[in-house]
Amino acid sequence: MGYASELLKEFNSRLSILEARVTGLERTLATLDGLQTVFSNDTAHVRGDNDKIARLITAYADAKEQALIEVDNLNAAYKDVVKIIDRLPNRYRAVLYQRYIAGLSQTEIAKKKGITRQAVAATEAEAIALLDIRYGS
């Protein structure tokens, strides 16, 4: 597998991980919001559960900070991917943008372009091979 293939694979992997982390953070935030509502309405429980709430808030803050670092890393990977895709001829660039930036499947791209999925797969493979030739393996 060449440089371009590895770069695109790494980008997709990081994107999937980040999406999962964001989903987890959203759930944690919703839980914390719910706890805050419950505890603001019932001050008797607040005194006994302050430590639990503090630990949850700290864990959330730590997870959020880590996610922001991952977003920065993903942005760097995204810029690398865009930079190399931008240097391709239009037909290759269009397929790789739709595939790796927009996240469309080969079938979705084929429907949009009015061509077969096999034609999309062939164009994608040619584009990646061209990138590997240009940027080394």
C-alpha atoms as a PDB file:
ATOM      1  CA  MET A   1       0.000   0.000   0.000  1.00  0.00           C
ATOM      2  CA  GLY A   2       1.421   3.381  -0.980  1.00  0.00           C
ATOM      3  CA  TYR A   3       1.610   6.760   0.698  1.00  0.00           C
ATOM      4  CA  ALA A   4      -1.720   8.086  -0.605  1.00  0.00           C
ATOM      5  CA  SER A   5      -3.577   4.919   0.341  1.00  0.00           C
ATOM      6  CA  GLU A   6      -2.109   5.035   3.849  1.00  0.00           C
ATOM      7  CA  LEU A   7      -2.905   8.745   4.212  1.00  0.00           C
ATOM      8  CA  LEU A   8      -6.531   8.278   3.123  1.00  0.00           C
ATOM      9  CA  LYS A   9      -6.907   5.201   5.350  1.00  0.00           C
ATOM     10  CA  GLU A  10      -5.460   7.089   8.351  1.00  0.00           C
ATOM     11  CA  PHE A  11      -7.746  10.057   7.674  1.00  0.00           C
ATOM     12  CA  ASN A  12     -10.843   7.824   7.588  1.00  0.00           C
ATOM     13  CA  SER A  13      -9.737   6.024  10.738  1.00  0.00           C
ATOM     14  CA  ARG A  14      -9.198   9.267  12.642  1.00  0.00           C
ATOM     15  CA  LEU A  15     -12.525  10.612  11.432  1.00  0.00           C
ATOM     16  CA  SER A  16     -14.384   7.507  12.645  1.00  0.00           C
ATOM     17  CA  ILE A  17     -12.693   7.663  16.035  1.00  0.00           C
ATOM     18  CA  LEU A  18     -13.453  11.361  16.394  1.00  0.00           C
ATOM     19  CA  GLU A  19     -17.108  10.874  15.457  1.00  0.00           C
ATOM     20  CA  ALA A  20     -17.428   8.183  18.131  1.00  0.00           C
ATOM     21  CA  ARG A  21     -15.742  10.435  20.719  1.00  0.00           C
ATOM     22  CA  VAL A  22     -18.025  13.366  19.873  1.00  0.00           C
ATOM     23  CA  THR A  23     -21.071  11.127  20.256  1.00  0.00           C
ATOM     24  CA  GLY A  24     -19.785   9.963  23.635  1.00  0.00           C
ATOM     25  CA  LEU A  25     -19.113  13.528  24.760  1.00  0.00           C
ATOM     26  CA  GLU A  26     -22.588  14.594  23.691  1.00  0.00           C
ATOM     27  CA  ARG A  27     -24.095  11.790  25.788  1.00  0.00           C
ATOM     28  CA  THR A  28     -21.918  12.720  28.763  1.00  0.00           C
ATOM     29  CA  LEU A  29     -22.917  16.363  28.455  1.00  0.00           C
ATOM     30  CA  ALA A  30     -26.601  15.415  28.325  1.00  0.00           C
ATOM     31  CA  THR A  31     -26.124  13.298  31.464  1.00  0.00           C
ATOM     32  CA  LEU A  32     -24.378  16.157  33.255  1.00  0.00           C
ATOM     33  CA  ASP A  33     -27.112  18.578  32.213  1.00  0.00           C
ATOM     34  CA  GLY A  34     -29.693  16.144  33.560  1.00  0.00           C
ATOM     35  CA  LEU A  35     -27.831  15.787  36.838  1.00  0.00           C
ATOM     36  CA  GLN A  36     -27.525  19.525  37.183  1.00  0.00           C
ATOM     37  CA  THR A  37     -31.283  19.896  36.694  1.00  0.00           C
ATOM     38  CA  VAL A  38     -32.057  17.160  39.221  1.00  0.00           C
ATOM     39  CA  PHE A  39     -29.648  18.516  41.811  1.00  0.00           C
ATOM     40  CA  SER A  40     -30.692  22.113  41.365  1.00  0.00           C
ATOM     41  CA  ASN A  41     -34.261  21.016  42.159  1.00  0.00           C
ATOM     42  CA  ASP A  42     -33.276  18.877  45.146  1.00  0.00           C
ATOM     43  CA  THR A  43     -30.660  20.591  47.310  1.00  0.00           C
ATOM     44  CA  ALA A  44     -30.694  17.793  49.916  1.00  0.00           C
ATOM     45  CA  HIS A  45     -29.011  15.419  47.430  1.00  0.00           C
ATOM     46  CA  VAL A  46     -26.496  18.022  46.331  1.00  0.00           C
ATOM     47  CA  ARG A  47     -24.583  17.942  49.590  1.00  0.00           C
ATOM     48  CA  GLY A  48     -24.196  14.145  49.517  1.00  0.00           C
ATOM     49  CA  ASP A  49     -23.343  13.866  45.825  1.00  0.00           C
ATOM     50  CA  ASN A  50     -21.012  16.818  45.297  1.00  0.00           C
ATOM     51  CA  ASP A  51     -17.986  14.521  44.966  1.00  0.00           C
ATOM     52  CA  LYS A  52     -19.698  12.387  42.334  1.00  0.00           C
ATOM     53  CA  ILE A  53     -20.714  15.447  40.351  1.00  0.00           C
ATOM     54  CA  ALA A  54     -17.230  16.929  40.629  1.00  0.00           C
ATOM     55  CA  ARG A  55     -15.684  13.675  39.340  1.00  0.00           C
ATOM     56  CA  LEU A  56     -18.130  13.552  36.441  1.00  0.00           C
ATOM     57  CA  ILE A  57     -17.432  17.165  35.511  1.00  0.00           C
ATOM     58  CA  THR A  58     -13.668  16.580  35.708  1.00  0.00           C
ATOM     59  CA  ALA A  59     -13.941  13.444  33.577  1.00  0.00           C
ATOM     60  CA  TYR A  60     -16.027  15.327  31.040  1.00  0.00           C
ATOM     61  CA  ALA A  61     -13.565  18.242  30.943  1.00  0.00           C
ATOM     62  CA  ASP A  62     -10.662  15.826  30.437  1.00  0.00           C
ATOM     63  CA  ALA A  63     -12.501  13.971  27.677  1.00  0.00           C
ATOM     64  CA  LYS A  64     -13.449  17.249  26.009  1.00  0.00           C
ATOM     65  CA  GLU A  65      -9.822  18.462  26.102  1.00  0.00           C
ATOM     66  CA  GLN A  66      -8.639  15.187  24.564  1.00  0.00           C
ATOM     67  CA  ALA A  67     -11.316  15.437  21.874  1.00  0.00           C
ATOM     68  CA  LEU A  68     -10.175  18.971  21.032  1.00  0.00           C
ATOM     69  CA  ILE A  69      -6.615  17.682  20.602  1.00  0.00           C
ATOM     70  CA  GLU A  70      -7.964  14.947  18.334  1.00  0.00           C
ATOM     71  CA  VAL A  71      -9.884  17.577  16.339  1.00  0.00           C
ATOM     72  CA  ASP A  72      -6.637  19.508  15.848  1.00  0.00           C
ATOM     73  CA  ASN A  73      -4.904  16.324  14.679  1.00  0.00           C
ATOM     74  CA  LEU A  74      -7.790  15.548  12.345  1.00  0.00           C
ATOM     75  CA  ASN A  75      -7.647  19.082  10.933  1.00  0.00           C
ATOM     76  CA  ALA A  76      -3.960  18.575  10.174  1.00  0.00           C
ATOM     77  CA  ALA A  77      -4.719  15.246   8.469  1.00  0.00           C
ATOM     78  CA  TYR A  78      -7.590  16.879   6.583  1.00  0.00           C
ATOM     79  CA  LYS A  79      -5.290  19.618   5.285  1.00  0.00           C
ATOM     80  CA  ASP A  80      -2.778  16.989   4.144  1.00  0.00           C
ATOM     81  CA  VAL A  81      -5.495  15.045   2.346  1.00  0.00           C
ATOM     82  CA  VAL A  82      -6.941  18.149   0.676  1.00  0.00           C
ATOM     83  CA  LYS A  83      -3.487  19.328  -0.354  1.00  0.00           C
ATOM     84  CA  ILE A  84      -2.686  16.140  -2.226  1.00  0.00           C
ATOM     85  CA  ILE A  85      -6.184  15.723  -3.694  1.00  0.00           C
ATOM     86  CA  ASP A  86      -6.110  19.305  -5.008  1.00  0.00           C
ATOM     87  CA  ARG A  87      -3.142  18.447  -7.209  1.00  0.00           C
ATOM     88  CA  LEU A  88      -5.047  15.805  -9.179  1.00  0.00           C
ATOM     89  CA  PRO A  89      -6.847  16.223 -12.507  1.00  0.00           C
ATOM     90  CA  ASN A  90     -10.554  17.101 -12.121  1.00  0.00           C
ATOM     91  CA  ARG A  91     -12.064  13.643 -12.658  1.00  0.00           C
ATOM     92  CA  TYR A  92      -9.836  12.099  -9.985  1.00  0.00           C
ATOM     93  CA  ARG A  93     -10.190  15.033  -7.634  1.00  0.00           C
ATOM     94  CA  ALA A  94     -14.005  14.932  -7.812  1.00  0.00           C
ATOM     95  CA  VAL A  95     -14.178  11.239  -6.931  1.00  0.00           C
ATOM     96  CA  LEU A  96     -11.674  11.472  -4.060  1.00  0.00           C
ATOM     97  CA  TYR A  97     -13.374  14.558  -2.588  1.00  0.00           C
ATOM     98  CA  GLN A  98     -16.747  12.857  -2.656  1.00  0.00           C
ATOM     99  CA  ARG A  99     -15.306   9.630  -1.296  1.00  0.00           C
ATOM    100  CA  TYR A 100     -12.974  10.857   1.454  1.00  0.00           C
ATOM    101  CA  ILE A 101     -14.097  14.383   2.279  1.00  0.00           C
ATOM    102  CA  ALA A 102     -17.874  14.090   1.799  1.00  0.00           C
ATOM    103  CA  GLY A 103     -17.835  10.454   2.951  1.00  0.00           C
ATOM    104  CA  LEU A 104     -19.981   9.123   0.119  1.00  0.00           C
ATOM    105  CA  SER A 105     -19.903   5.463  -0.871  1.00  0.00           C
ATOM    106  CA  GLN A 106     -18.872   4.410  -4.354  1.00  0.00           C
ATOM    107  CA  THR A 107     -22.527   3.618  -5.080  1.00  0.00           C
ATOM    108  CA  GLU A 108     -23.651   7.102  -3.993  1.00  0.00           C
ATOM    109  CA  ILE A 109     -20.988   8.727  -6.157  1.00  0.00           C
ATOM    110  CA  ALA A 110     -22.007   6.560  -9.112  1.00  0.00           C
ATOM    111  CA  LYS A 111     -25.644   7.619  -8.756  1.00  0.00           C
ATOM    112  CA  LYS A 112     -24.675  11.315  -8.568  1.00  0.00           C
ATOM    113  CA  LYS A 113     -22.433  11.063 -11.620  1.00  0.00           C
ATOM    114  CA  GLY A 114     -24.676   8.749 -13.596  1.00  0.00           C
ATOM    115  CA  ILE A 115     -21.985   6.081 -13.982  1.00  0.00           C
ATOM    116  CA  THR A 116     -21.468   2.578 -12.648  1.00  0.00           C
ATOM    117  CA  ARG A 117     -20.025   1.821  -9.240  1.00  0.00           C
ATOM    118  CA  GLN A 118     -17.240  -0.075 -11.004  1.00  0.00           C
ATOM    119  CA  ALA A 119     -16.310   3.083 -12.926  1.00  0.00           C
ATOM    120  CA  VAL A 120     -16.105   4.989  -9.642  1.00  0.00           C
ATOM    121  CA  ALA A 121     -13.973   2.229  -8.099  1.00  0.00           C
ATOM    122  CA  ALA A 122     -11.655   2.252 -11.112  1.00  0.00           C
ATOM    123  CA  THR A 123     -11.309   6.053 -11.026  1.00  0.00           C
ATOM    124  CA  GLU A 124     -10.626   5.963  -7.287  1.00  0.00           C
ATOM    125  CA  ALA A 125      -7.976   3.267  -7.737  1.00  0.00           C
ATOM    126  CA  GLU A 126      -6.349   5.201 -10.598  1.00  0.00           C
ATOM    127  CA  ALA A 127      -6.312   8.388  -8.513  1.00  0.00           C
ATOM    128  CA  ILE A 128      -4.699   6.647  -5.552  1.00  0.00           C
ATOM    129  CA  ALA A 129      -2.143   4.974  -7.831  1.00  0.00           C
ATOM    130  CA  LEU A 130      -1.333   8.362  -9.364  1.00  0.00           C
ATOM    131  CA  LEU A 131      -0.869   9.874  -5.910  1.00  0.00           C
ATOM    132  CA  ASP A 132       1.384   6.988  -4.908  1.00  0.00           C
ATOM    133  CA  ILE A 133       3.522   7.556  -8.019  1.00  0.00           C
ATOM    134  CA  ARG A 134       3.709  11.302  -7.364  1.00  0.00           C
ATOM    135  CA  TYR A 135       4.350  11.181  -3.629  1.00  0.00           C
ATOM    136  CA  GLY A 136       6.181   7.924  -3.184  1.00  0.00           C
ATOM    137  CA  SER A 137       5.327   4.772  -1.360  1.00  0.00           C
END
